[in-house]
Amino acid sequence: MVIATKGLVVLEPVTEPTPSSAEMAPRPRDLNGKRVALLTNGKRNSDVLVKMVYDLLAERYQLSGYLHRDKVNMSRPAPQSIVEELATYDIAITAIGD
């Protein structure tokens, strides 16, 4: 939309959202024996949160270990090397902090 008032042209760069589709990853029926990848984003307490979630799961299931990675920069996607490493695990848990 373009609005012109007293020699000033105001552009409104708003459009309707483009719908997209996404599919949820398959969920395991049981967590026993699974390896868990934890990903934090570098914000304060995100590491504490994912570790607490892991500890709760470890109380309920016989997990076979975990990996923790921090993507360091909260405003950027995780580096491809971290994504590829997490993808080798059975389950991934991520969290933000603050």
C-alpha atoms as a PDB file:
ATOM      1  CA  MET A   1       0.000   0.000   0.000  1.00  0.00           C
ATOM      2  CA  VAL A   2       1.219   3.520  -0.796  1.00  0.00           C
ATOM      3  CA  ILE A   3      -0.045   6.550   1.121  1.00  0.00           C
ATOM      4  CA  ALA A   4       0.770  10.079  -0.090  1.00  0.00           C
ATOM      5  CA  THR A   5       0.308  13.016   2.294  1.00  0.00           C
ATOM      6  CA  LYS A   6       1.668  16.565   1.888  1.00  0.00           C
ATOM      7  CA  GLY A   7       4.472  15.504  -0.417  1.00  0.00           C
ATOM      8  CA  LEU A   8       5.538  12.581   1.778  1.00  0.00           C
ATOM      9  CA  VAL A   9       5.129   9.096   0.387  1.00  0.00           C
ATOM     10  CA  VAL A  10       4.790   6.361   3.008  1.00  0.00           C
ATOM     11  CA  LEU A  11       5.322   2.782   1.923  1.00  0.00           C
ATOM     12  CA  GLU A  12       3.829   0.017   4.022  1.00  0.00           C
ATOM     13  CA  PRO A  13       5.870  -3.147   3.347  1.00  0.00           C
ATOM     14  CA  VAL A  14       3.353  -5.539   4.852  1.00  0.00           C
ATOM     15  CA  THR A  15       2.106  -8.602   3.033  1.00  0.00           C
ATOM     16  CA  GLU A  16       0.089 -11.630   3.916  1.00  0.00           C
ATOM     17  CA  PRO A  17       2.204 -14.473   5.330  1.00  0.00           C
ATOM     18  CA  THR A  18       3.125 -17.231   2.936  1.00  0.00           C
ATOM     19  CA  PRO A  19       1.847 -20.528   4.306  1.00  0.00           C
ATOM     20  CA  SER A  20       4.389 -23.291   4.576  1.00  0.00           C
ATOM     21  CA  SER A  21       4.133 -26.881   5.580  1.00  0.00           C
ATOM     22  CA  ALA A  22       6.247 -28.748   8.047  1.00  0.00           C
ATOM     23  CA  GLU A  23       6.291 -32.293   9.244  1.00  0.00           C
ATOM     24  CA  MET A  24       7.142 -33.358  12.761  1.00  0.00           C
ATOM     25  CA  ALA A  25       9.997 -35.797  13.151  1.00  0.00           C
ATOM     26  CA  PRO A  26       8.958 -39.307  14.165  1.00  0.00           C
ATOM     27  CA  ARG A  27       8.915 -39.815  17.909  1.00  0.00           C
ATOM     28  CA  PRO A  28      10.492 -42.858  19.555  1.00  0.00           C
ATOM     29  CA  ARG A  29       8.080 -45.119  21.419  1.00  0.00           C
ATOM     30  CA  ASP A  30      10.546 -45.559  24.262  1.00  0.00           C
ATOM     31  CA  LEU A  31      13.616 -43.638  25.402  1.00  0.00           C
ATOM     32  CA  ASN A  32      15.429 -46.598  26.949  1.00  0.00           C
ATOM     33  CA  GLY A  33      18.842 -47.041  25.372  1.00  0.00           C
ATOM     34  CA  LYS A  34      18.629 -43.750  23.483  1.00  0.00           C
ATOM     35  CA  ARG A  35      21.432 -41.229  23.149  1.00  0.00           C
ATOM     36  CA  VAL A  36      20.423 -37.616  23.783  1.00  0.00           C
ATOM     37  CA  ALA A  37      21.948 -34.519  22.171  1.00  0.00           C
ATOM     38  CA  LEU A  38      21.556 -31.233  24.035  1.00  0.00           C
ATOM     39  CA  LEU A  39      21.881 -27.902  22.222  1.00  0.00           C
ATOM     40  CA  THR A  40      21.977 -24.545  23.965  1.00  0.00           C
ATOM     41  CA  ASN A  41      22.137 -21.104  22.407  1.00  0.00           C
ATOM     42  CA  GLY A  42      24.673 -19.304  24.581  1.00  0.00           C
ATOM     43  CA  LYS A  43      22.140 -17.397  26.652  1.00  0.00           C
ATOM     44  CA  ARG A  44      22.407 -17.502  30.411  1.00  0.00           C
ATOM     45  CA  ASN A  45      20.792 -20.587  31.979  1.00  0.00           C
ATOM     46  CA  SER A  46      20.067 -22.411  28.719  1.00  0.00           C
ATOM     47  CA  ASP A  47      22.697 -24.990  29.697  1.00  0.00           C
ATOM     48  CA  VAL A  48      21.102 -25.383  33.131  1.00  0.00           C
ATOM     49  CA  LEU A  49      17.671 -25.921  31.581  1.00  0.00           C
ATOM     50  CA  VAL A  50      18.683 -28.637  29.101  1.00  0.00           C
ATOM     51  CA  LYS A  51      20.741 -30.423  31.764  1.00  0.00           C
ATOM     52  CA  MET A  52      17.730 -30.427  34.099  1.00  0.00           C
ATOM     53  CA  VAL A  53      15.565 -31.888  31.336  1.00  0.00           C
ATOM     54  CA  TYR A  54      18.207 -34.533  30.644  1.00  0.00           C
ATOM     55  CA  ASP A  55      18.449 -35.395  34.353  1.00  0.00           C
ATOM     56  CA  LEU A  56      14.658 -35.834  34.578  1.00  0.00           C
ATOM     57  CA  LEU A  57      14.688 -38.122  31.555  1.00  0.00           C
ATOM     58  CA  ALA A  58      17.637 -40.065  32.984  1.00  0.00           C
ATOM     59  CA  GLU A  59      15.627 -40.701  36.166  1.00  0.00           C
ATOM     60  CA  ARG A  60      12.816 -42.275  34.131  1.00  0.00           C
ATOM     61  CA  TYR A  61      14.698 -44.044  31.353  1.00  0.00           C
ATOM     62  CA  GLN A  62      17.900 -45.998  30.862  1.00  0.00           C
ATOM     63  CA  LEU A  63      19.584 -43.490  28.550  1.00  0.00           C
ATOM     64  CA  SER A  64      22.884 -44.489  26.999  1.00  0.00           C
ATOM     65  CA  GLY A  65      24.558 -41.094  27.228  1.00  0.00           C
ATOM     66  CA  TYR A  66      24.424 -37.550  26.010  1.00  0.00           C
ATOM     67  CA  LEU A  67      26.275 -34.893  24.091  1.00  0.00           C
ATOM     68  CA  HIS A  68      26.082 -31.177  24.925  1.00  0.00           C
ATOM     69  CA  ARG A  69      26.886 -28.488  22.382  1.00  0.00           C
ATOM     70  CA  ASP A  70      26.435 -24.726  22.587  1.00  0.00           C
ATOM     71  CA  LYS A  71      25.921 -22.784  19.388  1.00  0.00           C
ATOM     72  CA  VAL A  72      27.420 -19.719  21.166  1.00  0.00           C
ATOM     73  CA  ASN A  73      25.701 -17.015  19.118  1.00  0.00           C
ATOM     74  CA  MET A  74      22.022 -16.825  20.046  1.00  0.00           C
ATOM     75  CA  SER A  75      21.095 -14.826  16.953  1.00  0.00           C
ATOM     76  CA  ARG A  76      22.643 -17.212  14.424  1.00  0.00           C
ATOM     77  CA  PRO A  77      21.802 -20.745  13.366  1.00  0.00           C
ATOM     78  CA  ALA A  78      23.983 -23.506  14.743  1.00  0.00           C
ATOM     79  CA  PRO A  79      27.010 -24.245  12.572  1.00  0.00           C
ATOM     80  CA  GLN A  80      26.477 -27.104  10.128  1.00  0.00           C
ATOM     81  CA  SER A  81      29.120 -29.206  11.901  1.00  0.00           C
ATOM     82  CA  ILE A  82      27.089 -29.075  15.145  1.00  0.00           C
ATOM     83  CA  VAL A  83      23.844 -29.884  13.325  1.00  0.00           C
ATOM     84  CA  GLU A  84      25.460 -32.889  11.670  1.00  0.00           C
ATOM     85  CA  GLU A  85      26.860 -34.107  14.999  1.00  0.00           C
ATOM     86  CA  LEU A  86      23.470 -33.754  16.737  1.00  0.00           C
ATOM     87  CA  ALA A  87      21.810 -35.649  13.888  1.00  0.00           C
ATOM     88  CA  THR A  88      23.796 -38.779  14.812  1.00  0.00           C
ATOM     89  CA  TYR A  89      21.947 -38.962  18.167  1.00  0.00           C
ATOM     90  CA  ASP A  90      18.516 -40.497  18.751  1.00  0.00           C
ATOM     91  CA  ILE A  91      16.970 -37.441  20.402  1.00  0.00           C
ATOM     92  CA  ALA A  92      17.824 -33.730  20.364  1.00  0.00           C
ATOM     93  CA  ILE A  93      16.729 -31.237  23.001  1.00  0.00           C
ATOM     94  CA  THR A  94      17.309 -27.532  22.614  1.00  0.00           C
ATOM     95  CA  ALA A  95      16.603 -24.549  24.841  1.00  0.00           C
ATOM     96  CA  ILE A  96      17.002 -20.831  25.143  1.00  0.00           C
ATOM     97  CA  GLY A  97      17.927 -19.087  28.355  1.00  0.00           C
ATOM     98  CA  ASP A  98      17.224 -15.945  30.362  1.00  0.00           C
END
